[in-house]
Amino acid sequence: MNTREQILFDKKERIFSAGEPLYEATEVIYEAIDNRIRELVTSTEFHCQYIILMGVIVINGDMDMGSFSATKRIEVINLYDRTRTHITPYFFKHLYLG
């Protein structure tokens, strides 16, 4: 079993109990990738002041279906003072109504 299959298998109850299982499977994979990127950023030494992390789901479709993208997160990490600023709401206000 490959890594993607293992991730999906571990979350199969969550996926199959969701109203939209395909959407939920996409979210599960996104979260796994996001967690891994966060681990890599934490364990890597950078020679700069800022890191910008942007999480996006991109689904390439065919000519009939078209493609889809959804920006999930834009985050600025200041390596000098270790602060994290989520700037996604500034760009996508329609996603953050609260």
PDB file of N, CA and C in Angstrom:
ATOM      1  N   MET A   1       0.851  -1.165   0.000  1.00  0.00           N
ATOM      2  CA  MET A   1       0.000   0.000   0.000  1.00  0.00           C
ATOM      3  C   MET A   1       0.909   1.244   0.000  1.00  0.00           C
ATOM      4  N   ASN A   2       0.611   2.218  -0.872  1.00  0.00           N
ATOM      5  CA  ASN A   2       1.428   3.421  -0.894  1.00  0.00           C
ATOM      6  C   ASN A   2       0.964   4.416   0.171  1.00  0.00           C
ATOM      7  N   THR A   3       1.692   5.494   0.311  1.00  0.00           N
ATOM      8  CA  THR A   3       1.429   6.460   1.375  1.00  0.00           C
ATOM      9  C   THR A   3       0.032   7.067   1.280  1.00  0.00           C
ATOM     10  N   ARG A   4      -0.380   7.455   0.073  1.00  0.00           N
ATOM     11  CA  ARG A   4      -1.724   8.035  -0.074  1.00  0.00           C
ATOM     12  C   ARG A   4      -2.797   7.047   0.344  1.00  0.00           C
ATOM     13  N   GLU A   5      -2.640   5.807  -0.070  1.00  0.00           N
ATOM     14  CA  GLU A   5      -3.618   4.786   0.311  1.00  0.00           C
ATOM     15  C   GLU A   5      -3.653   4.597   1.825  1.00  0.00           C
ATOM     16  N   GLN A   6      -2.490   4.630   2.463  1.00  0.00           N
ATOM     17  CA  GLN A   6      -2.439   4.476   3.917  1.00  0.00           C
ATOM     18  C   GLN A   6      -3.146   5.631   4.618  1.00  0.00           C
ATOM     19  N   ILE A   7      -2.917   6.852   4.135  1.00  0.00           N
ATOM     20  CA  ILE A   7      -3.563   8.021   4.723  1.00  0.00           C
ATOM     21  C   ILE A   7      -5.078   7.903   4.596  1.00  0.00           C
ATOM     22  N   LEU A   8      -5.548   7.565   3.409  1.00  0.00           N
ATOM     23  CA  LEU A   8      -6.987   7.433   3.182  1.00  0.00           C
ATOM     24  C   LEU A   8      -7.577   6.274   3.980  1.00  0.00           C
ATOM     25  N   PHE A   9      -6.853   5.165   4.049  1.00  0.00           N
ATOM     26  CA  PHE A   9      -7.333   3.998   4.792  1.00  0.00           C
ATOM     27  C   PHE A   9      -7.486   4.326   6.274  1.00  0.00           C
ATOM     28  N   ASP A  10      -6.512   5.062   6.829  1.00  0.00           N
ATOM     29  CA  ASP A  10      -6.573   5.437   8.244  1.00  0.00           C
ATOM     30  C   ASP A  10      -7.769   6.330   8.551  1.00  0.00           C
ATOM     31  N   LYS A  11      -8.248   7.072   7.569  1.00  0.00           N
ATOM     32  CA  LYS A  11      -9.370   8.008   7.763  1.00  0.00           C
ATOM     33  C   LYS A  11     -10.645   7.539   7.065  1.00  0.00           C
ATOM     34  N   LYS A  12     -10.739   6.248   6.782  1.00  0.00           N
ATOM     35  CA  LYS A  12     -11.868   5.746   5.989  1.00  0.00           C
ATOM     36  C   LYS A  12     -13.218   5.997   6.642  1.00  0.00           C
ATOM     37  N   GLU A  13     -13.314   5.904   7.972  1.00  0.00           N
ATOM     38  CA  GLU A  13     -14.588   6.163   8.642  1.00  0.00           C
ATOM     39  C   GLU A  13     -15.025   7.610   8.429  1.00  0.00           C
ATOM     40  N   ARG A  14     -14.083   8.522   8.568  1.00  0.00           N
ATOM     41  CA  ARG A  14     -14.378   9.949   8.356  1.00  0.00           C
ATOM     42  C   ARG A  14     -14.838  10.192   6.920  1.00  0.00           C
ATOM     43  N   ILE A  15     -14.163   9.569   5.975  1.00  0.00           N
ATOM     44  CA  ILE A  15     -14.479   9.772   4.553  1.00  0.00           C
ATOM     45  C   ILE A  15     -15.848   9.199   4.207  1.00  0.00           C
ATOM     46  N   PHE A  16     -16.086   7.947   4.586  1.00  0.00           N
ATOM     47  CA  PHE A  16     -17.339   7.290   4.196  1.00  0.00           C
ATOM     48  C   PHE A  16     -18.560   7.819   4.942  1.00  0.00           C
ATOM     49  N   SER A  17     -18.346   8.423   6.113  1.00  0.00           N
ATOM     50  CA  SER A  17     -19.484   8.967   6.846  1.00  0.00           C
ATOM     51  C   SER A  17     -19.792  10.414   6.447  1.00  0.00           C
ATOM     52  N   ALA A  18     -18.944  11.006   5.623  1.00  0.00           N
ATOM     53  CA  ALA A  18     -19.167  12.391   5.184  1.00  0.00           C
ATOM     54  C   ALA A  18     -20.272  12.458   4.144  1.00  0.00           C
ATOM     55  N   GLY A  19     -20.903  13.602   4.049  1.00  0.00           N
ATOM     56  CA  GLY A  19     -21.956  13.806   3.048  1.00  0.00           C
ATOM     57  C   GLY A  19     -21.412  13.734   1.624  1.00  0.00           C
ATOM     58  N   GLU A  20     -20.200  14.196   1.433  1.00  0.00           N
ATOM     59  CA  GLU A  20     -19.516  14.153   0.131  1.00  0.00           C
ATOM     60  C   GLU A  20     -18.178  13.442   0.313  1.00  0.00           C
ATOM     61  N   PRO A  21     -18.134  12.114   0.185  1.00  0.00           N
ATOM     62  CA  PRO A  21     -16.905  11.362   0.448  1.00  0.00           C
ATOM     63  C   PRO A  21     -15.711  11.778  -0.413  1.00  0.00           C
ATOM     64  N   LEU A  22     -15.934  12.116  -1.670  1.00  0.00           N
ATOM     65  CA  LEU A  22     -14.822  12.531  -2.523  1.00  0.00           C
ATOM     66  C   LEU A  22     -14.226  13.845  -2.032  1.00  0.00           C
ATOM     67  N   TYR A  23     -15.083  14.777  -1.651  1.00  0.00           N
ATOM     68  CA  TYR A  23     -14.616  16.046  -1.090  1.00  0.00           C
ATOM     69  C   TYR A  23     -13.835  15.798   0.196  1.00  0.00           C
ATOM     70  N   GLU A  24     -14.364  14.935   1.047  1.00  0.00           N
ATOM     71  CA  GLU A  24     -13.710  14.641   2.327  1.00  0.00           C
ATOM     72  C   GLU A  24     -12.359  13.971   2.117  1.00  0.00           C
ATOM     73  N   ALA A  25     -12.261  13.080   1.139  1.00  0.00           N
ATOM     74  CA  ALA A  25     -10.978  12.441   0.834  1.00  0.00           C
ATOM     75  C   ALA A  25      -9.949  13.480   0.390  1.00  0.00           C
ATOM     76  N   THR A  26     -10.396  14.465  -0.387  1.00  0.00           N
ATOM     77  CA  THR A  26      -9.510  15.546  -0.809  1.00  0.00           C
ATOM     78  C   THR A  26      -9.030  16.331   0.403  1.00  0.00           C
ATOM     79  N   GLU A  27      -9.924  16.617   1.334  1.00  0.00           N
ATOM     80  CA  GLU A  27      -9.555  17.338   2.552  1.00  0.00           C
ATOM     81  C   GLU A  27      -8.559  16.534   3.392  1.00  0.00           C
ATOM     82  N   VAL A  28      -8.757  15.234   3.495  1.00  0.00           N
ATOM     83  CA  VAL A  28      -7.856  14.372   4.266  1.00  0.00           C
ATOM     84  C   VAL A  28      -6.443  14.420   3.678  1.00  0.00           C
ATOM     85  N   ILE A  29      -6.342  14.312   2.366  1.00  0.00           N
ATOM     86  CA  ILE A  29      -5.030  14.364   1.717  1.00  0.00           C
ATOM     87  C   ILE A  29      -4.398  15.738   1.890  1.00  0.00           C
ATOM     88  N   TYR A  30      -5.189  16.798   1.744  1.00  0.00           N
ATOM     89  CA  TYR A  30      -4.664  18.150   1.946  1.00  0.00           C
ATOM     90  C   TYR A  30      -4.100  18.305   3.357  1.00  0.00           C
ATOM     91  N   GLU A  31      -4.830  17.848   4.356  1.00  0.00           N
ATOM     92  CA  GLU A  31      -4.378  17.974   5.745  1.00  0.00           C
ATOM     93  C   GLU A  31      -3.079  17.205   5.978  1.00  0.00           C
ATOM     94  N   ALA A  32      -2.950  16.027   5.377  1.00  0.00           N
ATOM     95  CA  ALA A  32      -1.722  15.244   5.531  1.00  0.00           C
ATOM     96  C   ALA A  32      -0.530  15.967   4.904  1.00  0.00           C
ATOM     97  N   ILE A  33      -0.728  16.524   3.728  1.00  0.00           N
ATOM     98  CA  ILE A  33       0.338  17.269   3.060  1.00  0.00           C
ATOM     99  C   ILE A  33       0.685  18.513   3.865  1.00  0.00           C
ATOM    100  N   ASP A  34      -0.329  19.228   4.349  1.00  0.00           N
ATOM    101  CA  ASP A  34      -0.112  20.433   5.141  1.00  0.00           C
ATOM    102  C   ASP A  34       0.694  20.126   6.402  1.00  0.00           C
ATOM    103  N   ASN A  35       0.354  19.043   7.087  1.00  0.00           N
ATOM    104  CA  ASN A  35       1.097  18.647   8.290  1.00  0.00           C
ATOM    105  C   ASN A  35       2.554  18.339   7.975  1.00  0.00           C
ATOM    106  N   ARG A  36       2.788  17.654   6.857  1.00  0.00           N
ATOM    107  CA  ARG A  36       4.164  17.303   6.472  1.00  0.00           C
ATOM    108  C   ARG A  36       4.967  18.561   6.127  1.00  0.00           C
ATOM    109  N   ILE A  37       4.364  19.500   5.426  1.00  0.00           N
ATOM    110  CA  ILE A  37       5.060  20.742   5.090  1.00  0.00           C
ATOM    111  C   ILE A  37       5.401  21.505   6.365  1.00  0.00           C
ATOM    112  N   ARG A  38       4.484  21.549   7.315  1.00  0.00           N
ATOM    113  CA  ARG A  38       4.768  22.223   8.591  1.00  0.00           C
ATOM    114  C   ARG A  38       5.944  21.565   9.309  1.00  0.00           C
ATOM    115  N   GLU A  39       6.015  20.241   9.287  1.00  0.00           N
ATOM    116  CA  GLU A  39       7.145  19.528   9.889  1.00  0.00           C
ATOM    117  C   GLU A  39       8.456  19.905   9.200  1.00  0.00           C
ATOM    118  N   LEU A  40       8.430  19.933   7.874  1.00  0.00           N
ATOM    119  CA  LEU A  40       9.640  20.263   7.124  1.00  0.00           C
ATOM    120  C   LEU A  40      10.097  21.696   7.382  1.00  0.00           C
ATOM    121  N   VAL A  41       9.163  22.626   7.445  1.00  0.00           N
ATOM    122  CA  VAL A  41       9.519  24.025   7.717  1.00  0.00           C
ATOM    123  C   VAL A  41      10.128  24.148   9.106  1.00  0.00           C
ATOM    124  N   THR A  42       9.560  23.444  10.073  1.00  0.00           N
ATOM    125  CA  THR A  42      10.066  23.503  11.443  1.00  0.00           C
ATOM    126  C   THR A  42      11.473  22.936  11.558  1.00  0.00           C
ATOM    127  N   SER A  43      11.785  21.919  10.787  1.00  0.00           N
ATOM    128  CA  SER A  43      13.082  21.247  10.919  1.00  0.00           C
ATOM    129  C   SER A  43      14.143  21.744   9.929  1.00  0.00           C
ATOM    130  N   THR A  44      13.835  22.782   9.176  1.00  0.00           N
ATOM    131  CA  THR A  44      14.776  23.298   8.176  1.00  0.00           C
ATOM    132  C   THR A  44      15.292  24.660   8.619  1.00  0.00           C
ATOM    133  N   GLU A  45      16.571  24.900   8.365  1.00  0.00           N
ATOM    134  CA  GLU A  45      17.160  26.203   8.669  1.00  0.00           C
ATOM    135  C   GLU A  45      17.102  27.067   7.417  1.00  0.00           C
ATOM    136  N   PHE A  46      16.504  28.221   7.547  1.00  0.00           N
ATOM    137  CA  PHE A  46      16.372  29.148   6.427  1.00  0.00           C
ATOM    138  C   PHE A  46      17.236  30.379   6.681  1.00  0.00           C
ATOM    139  N   HIS A  47      17.775  30.951   5.636  1.00  0.00           N
ATOM    140  CA  HIS A  47      18.619  32.139   5.733  1.00  0.00           C
ATOM    141  C   HIS A  47      17.850  33.342   5.197  1.00  0.00           C
ATOM    142  N   CYS A  48      16.729  33.612   5.849  1.00  0.00           N
ATOM    143  CA  CYS A  48      15.878  34.732   5.469  1.00  0.00           C
ATOM    144  C   CYS A  48      15.045  35.112   6.682  1.00  0.00           C
ATOM    145  N   GLN A  49      14.290  36.194   6.566  1.00  0.00           N
ATOM    146  CA  GLN A  49      13.463  36.605   7.693  1.00  0.00           C
ATOM    147  C   GLN A  49      12.052  36.031   7.623  1.00  0.00           C
ATOM    148  N   TYR A  50      11.513  35.913   6.411  1.00  0.00           N
ATOM    149  CA  TYR A  50      10.123  35.486   6.263  1.00  0.00           C
ATOM    150  C   TYR A  50      10.000  34.242   5.390  1.00  0.00           C
ATOM    151  N   ILE A  51       9.004  33.443   5.726  1.00  0.00           N
ATOM    152  CA  ILE A  51       8.580  32.322   4.881  1.00  0.00           C
ATOM    153  C   ILE A  51       7.095  32.520   4.646  1.00  0.00           C
ATOM    154  N   ILE A  52       6.673  32.347   3.423  1.00  0.00           N
ATOM    155  CA  ILE A  52       5.255  32.424   3.102  1.00  0.00           C
ATOM    156  C   ILE A  52       4.798  31.031   2.691  1.00  0.00           C
ATOM    157  N   LEU A  53       3.837  30.500   3.424  1.00  0.00           N
ATOM    158  CA  LEU A  53       3.260  29.200   3.102  1.00  0.00           C
ATOM    159  C   LEU A  53       1.883  29.422   2.503  1.00  0.00           C
ATOM    160  N   MET A  54       1.640  28.782   1.400  1.00  0.00           N
ATOM    161  CA  MET A  54       0.337  28.893   0.752  1.00  0.00           C
ATOM    162  C   MET A  54      -0.160  27.488   0.465  1.00  0.00           C
ATOM    163  N   GLY A  55      -1.314  27.155   0.997  1.00  0.00           N
ATOM    164  CA  GLY A  55      -1.919  25.849   0.775  1.00  0.00           C
ATOM    165  C   GLY A  55      -3.077  25.971  -0.194  1.00  0.00           C
ATOM    166  N   VAL A  56      -3.009  25.210  -1.276  1.00  0.00           N
ATOM    167  CA  VAL A  56      -4.026  25.271  -2.321  1.00  0.00           C
ATOM    168  C   VAL A  56      -4.363  23.852  -2.767  1.00  0.00           C
ATOM    169  N   ILE A  57      -5.630  23.622  -3.021  1.00  0.00           N
ATOM    170  CA  ILE A  57      -6.044  22.368  -3.651  1.00  0.00           C
ATOM    171  C   ILE A  57      -6.278  22.680  -5.119  1.00  0.00           C
ATOM    172  N   VAL A  58      -5.609  21.921  -5.990  1.00  0.00           N
ATOM    173  CA  VAL A  58      -5.763  22.089  -7.433  1.00  0.00           C
ATOM    174  C   VAL A  58      -6.173  20.742  -8.019  1.00  0.00           C
ATOM    175  N   ILE A  59      -7.277  20.741  -8.735  1.00  0.00           N
ATOM    176  CA  ILE A  59      -7.749  19.530  -9.407  1.00  0.00           C
ATOM    177  C   ILE A  59      -7.788  19.827 -10.899  1.00  0.00           C
ATOM    178  N   ASN A  60      -6.962  19.118 -11.642  1.00  0.00           N
ATOM    179  CA  ASN A  60      -6.924  19.299 -13.092  1.00  0.00           C
ATOM    180  C   ASN A  60      -7.989  18.426 -13.732  1.00  0.00           C
ATOM    181  N   GLY A  61      -8.877  19.048 -14.435  1.00  0.00           N
ATOM    182  CA  GLY A  61      -9.932  18.315 -15.126  1.00  0.00           C
ATOM    183  C   GLY A  61      -9.633  18.229 -16.616  1.00  0.00           C
ATOM    184  N   ASP A  62     -10.601  17.740 -17.351  1.00  0.00           N
ATOM    185  CA  ASP A  62     -10.438  17.669 -18.800  1.00  0.00           C
ATOM    186  C   ASP A  62     -11.180  18.847 -19.431  1.00  0.00           C
ATOM    187  N   MET A  63     -11.280  18.862 -20.743  1.00  0.00           N
ATOM    188  CA  MET A  63     -11.912  19.971 -21.454  1.00  0.00           C
ATOM    189  C   MET A  63     -13.391  20.123 -21.085  1.00  0.00           C
ATOM    190  N   ASP A  64     -14.080  19.013 -20.854  1.00  0.00           N
ATOM    191  CA  ASP A  64     -15.500  19.068 -20.525  1.00  0.00           C
ATOM    192  C   ASP A  64     -15.757  19.510 -19.082  1.00  0.00           C
ATOM    193  N   MET A  65     -14.933  19.021 -18.178  1.00  0.00           N
ATOM    194  CA  MET A  65     -15.154  19.278 -16.764  1.00  0.00           C
ATOM    195  C   MET A  65     -14.490  20.580 -16.297  1.00  0.00           C
ATOM    196  N   GLY A  66     -13.382  20.933 -16.858  1.00  0.00           N
ATOM    197  CA  GLY A  66     -12.645  22.097 -16.395  1.00  0.00           C
ATOM    198  C   GLY A  66     -11.807  21.772 -15.174  1.00  0.00           C
ATOM    199  N   SER A  67     -11.114  22.754 -14.669  1.00  0.00           N
ATOM    200  CA  SER A  67     -10.256  22.572 -13.503  1.00  0.00           C
ATOM    201  C   SER A  67     -10.833  23.315 -12.307  1.00  0.00           C
ATOM    202  N   PHE A  68     -10.297  23.015 -11.143  1.00  0.00           N
ATOM    203  CA  PHE A  68     -10.780  23.586  -9.899  1.00  0.00           C
ATOM    204  C   PHE A  68      -9.590  23.923  -9.022  1.00  0.00           C
ATOM    205  N   SER A  69      -9.661  25.051  -8.319  1.00  0.00           N
ATOM    206  CA  SER A  69      -8.647  25.359  -7.314  1.00  0.00           C
ATOM    207  C   SER A  69      -9.314  26.053  -6.130  1.00  0.00           C
ATOM    208  N   ALA A  70      -8.774  25.793  -4.959  1.00  0.00           N
ATOM    209  CA  ALA A  70      -9.278  26.412  -3.731  1.00  0.00           C
ATOM    210  C   ALA A  70      -8.093  26.755  -2.845  1.00  0.00           C
ATOM    211  N   THR A  71      -7.927  28.028  -2.546  1.00  0.00           N
ATOM    212  CA  THR A  71      -6.868  28.460  -1.644  1.00  0.00           C
ATOM    213  C   THR A  71      -7.331  28.217  -0.219  1.00  0.00           C
ATOM    214  N   LYS A  72      -6.577  27.430   0.518  1.00  0.00           N
ATOM    215  CA  LYS A  72      -6.950  27.054   1.874  1.00  0.00           C
ATOM    216  C   LYS A  72      -6.258  27.913   2.929  1.00  0.00           C
ATOM    217  N   ARG A  73      -5.016  28.345   2.617  1.00  0.00           N
ATOM    218  CA  ARG A  73      -4.256  29.043   3.650  1.00  0.00           C
ATOM    219  C   ARG A  73      -3.132  29.845   3.017  1.00  0.00           C
ATOM    220  N   ILE A  74      -2.936  31.066   3.527  1.00  0.00           N
ATOM    221  CA  ILE A  74      -1.743  31.851   3.234  1.00  0.00           C
ATOM    222  C   ILE A  74      -1.239  32.325   4.588  1.00  0.00           C
ATOM    223  N   GLU A  75      -0.010  31.965   4.902  1.00  0.00           N
ATOM    224  CA  GLU A  75       0.541  32.237   6.223  1.00  0.00           C
ATOM    225  C   GLU A  75       1.951  32.794   6.083  1.00  0.00           C
ATOM    226  N   VAL A  76       2.258  33.841   6.837  1.00  0.00           N
ATOM    227  CA  VAL A  76       3.595  34.423   6.845  1.00  0.00           C
ATOM    228  C   VAL A  76       4.257  34.064   8.177  1.00  0.00           C
ATOM    229  N   ILE A  77       5.433  33.477   8.101  1.00  0.00           N
ATOM    230  CA  ILE A  77       6.189  33.119   9.296  1.00  0.00           C
ATOM    231  C   ILE A  77       7.390  34.046   9.382  1.00  0.00           C
ATOM    232  N   ASN A  78       7.487  34.771  10.497  1.00  0.00           N
ATOM    233  CA  ASN A  78       8.636  35.620  10.752  1.00  0.00           C
ATOM    234  C   ASN A  78       9.645  34.777  11.530  1.00  0.00           C
ATOM    235  N   LEU A  79      10.758  34.446  10.908  1.00  0.00           N
ATOM    236  CA  LEU A  79      11.728  33.564  11.546  1.00  0.00           C
ATOM    237  C   LEU A  79      12.510  34.250  12.666  1.00  0.00           C
ATOM    238  N   TYR A  80      12.532  35.572  12.682  1.00  0.00           N
ATOM    239  CA  TYR A  80      13.256  36.283  13.733  1.00  0.00           C
ATOM    240  C   TYR A  80      12.536  36.206  15.072  1.00  0.00           C
ATOM    241  N   ASP A  81      11.230  36.408  15.068  1.00  0.00           N
ATOM    242  CA  ASP A  81      10.504  36.359  16.339  1.00  0.00           C
ATOM    243  C   ASP A  81       9.538  35.171  16.436  1.00  0.00           C
ATOM    244  N   ARG A  82       9.562  34.287  15.429  1.00  0.00           N
ATOM    245  CA  ARG A  82       8.766  33.043  15.406  1.00  0.00           C
ATOM    246  C   ARG A  82       7.260  33.279  15.426  1.00  0.00           C
ATOM    247  N   THR A  83       6.815  34.417  14.920  1.00  0.00           N
ATOM    248  CA  THR A  83       5.371  34.668  14.852  1.00  0.00           C
ATOM    249  C   THR A  83       4.825  34.162  13.528  1.00  0.00           C
ATOM    250  N   ARG A  84       3.568  33.784  13.565  1.00  0.00           N
ATOM    251  CA  ARG A  84       2.857  33.327  12.369  1.00  0.00           C
ATOM    252  C   ARG A  84       1.641  34.211  12.175  1.00  0.00           C
ATOM    253  N   THR A  85       1.479  34.739  10.972  1.00  0.00           N
ATOM    254  CA  THR A  85       0.345  35.595  10.670  1.00  0.00           C
ATOM    255  C   THR A  85      -0.437  34.967   9.530  1.00  0.00           C
ATOM    256  N   HIS A  86      -1.704  34.656   9.789  1.00  0.00           N
ATOM    257  CA  HIS A  86      -2.571  34.106   8.752  1.00  0.00           C
ATOM    258  C   HIS A  86      -3.161  35.279   7.981  1.00  0.00           C
ATOM    259  N   ILE A  87      -2.795  35.397   6.712  1.00  0.00           N
ATOM    260  CA  ILE A  87      -3.272  36.516   5.909  1.00  0.00           C
ATOM    261  C   ILE A  87      -4.351  36.105   4.916  1.00  0.00           C
ATOM    262  N   THR A  88      -4.794  34.871   4.989  1.00  0.00           N
ATOM    263  CA  THR A  88      -5.837  34.392   4.078  1.00  0.00           C
ATOM    264  C   THR A  88      -7.091  35.265   4.121  1.00  0.00           C
ATOM    265  N   PRO A  89      -7.562  35.669   5.302  1.00  0.00           N
ATOM    266  CA  PRO A  89      -8.794  36.485   5.332  1.00  0.00           C
ATOM    267  C   PRO A  89      -8.677  37.804   4.577  1.00  0.00           C
ATOM    268  N   TYR A  90      -7.486  38.353   4.465  1.00  0.00           N
ATOM    269  CA  TYR A  90      -7.313  39.617   3.753  1.00  0.00           C
ATOM    270  C   TYR A  90      -7.534  39.461   2.249  1.00  0.00           C
ATOM    271  N   PHE A  91      -7.262  38.280   1.736  1.00  0.00           N
ATOM    272  CA  PHE A  91      -7.408  38.025   0.312  1.00  0.00           C
ATOM    273  C   PHE A  91      -8.725  37.373  -0.047  1.00  0.00           C
ATOM    274  N   PHE A  92      -9.293  36.619   0.876  1.00  0.00           N
ATOM    275  CA  PHE A  92     -10.500  35.859   0.601  1.00  0.00           C
ATOM    276  C   PHE A  92     -11.532  36.137   1.684  1.00  0.00           C
ATOM    277  N   LYS A  93     -11.972  37.365   1.771  1.00  0.00           N
ATOM    278  CA  LYS A  93     -12.928  37.784   2.795  1.00  0.00           C
ATOM    279  C   LYS A  93     -14.243  37.006   2.714  1.00  0.00           C
ATOM    280  N   HIS A  94     -14.628  36.589   1.516  1.00  0.00           N
ATOM    281  CA  HIS A  94     -15.892  35.860   1.364  1.00  0.00           C
ATOM    282  C   HIS A  94     -15.857  34.496   2.041  1.00  0.00           C
ATOM    283  N   LEU A  95     -14.651  33.970   2.339  1.00  0.00           N
ATOM    284  CA  LEU A  95     -14.540  32.689   3.020  1.00  0.00           C
ATOM    285  C   LEU A  95     -14.589  32.836   4.542  1.00  0.00           C
ATOM    286  N   TYR A  96     -14.393  34.051   5.020  1.00  0.00           N
ATOM    287  CA  TYR A  96     -14.307  34.289   6.458  1.00  0.00           C
ATOM    288  C   TYR A  96     -15.341  35.336   6.862  1.00  0.00           C
ATOM    289  N   LEU A  97     -16.528  34.889   7.093  1.00  0.00           N
ATOM    290  CA  LEU A  97     -17.624  35.800   7.404  1.00  0.00           C
ATOM    291  C   LEU A  97     -17.774  36.043   8.894  1.00  0.00           C
ATOM    292  N   GLY A  98     -17.028  35.288   9.721  1.00  0.00           N
ATOM    293  CA  GLY A  98     -17.199  35.380  11.162  1.00  0.00           C
ATOM    294  C   GLY A  98     -16.381  36.349  11.845  1.00  0.00           C
TER     295      GLY A  98
END
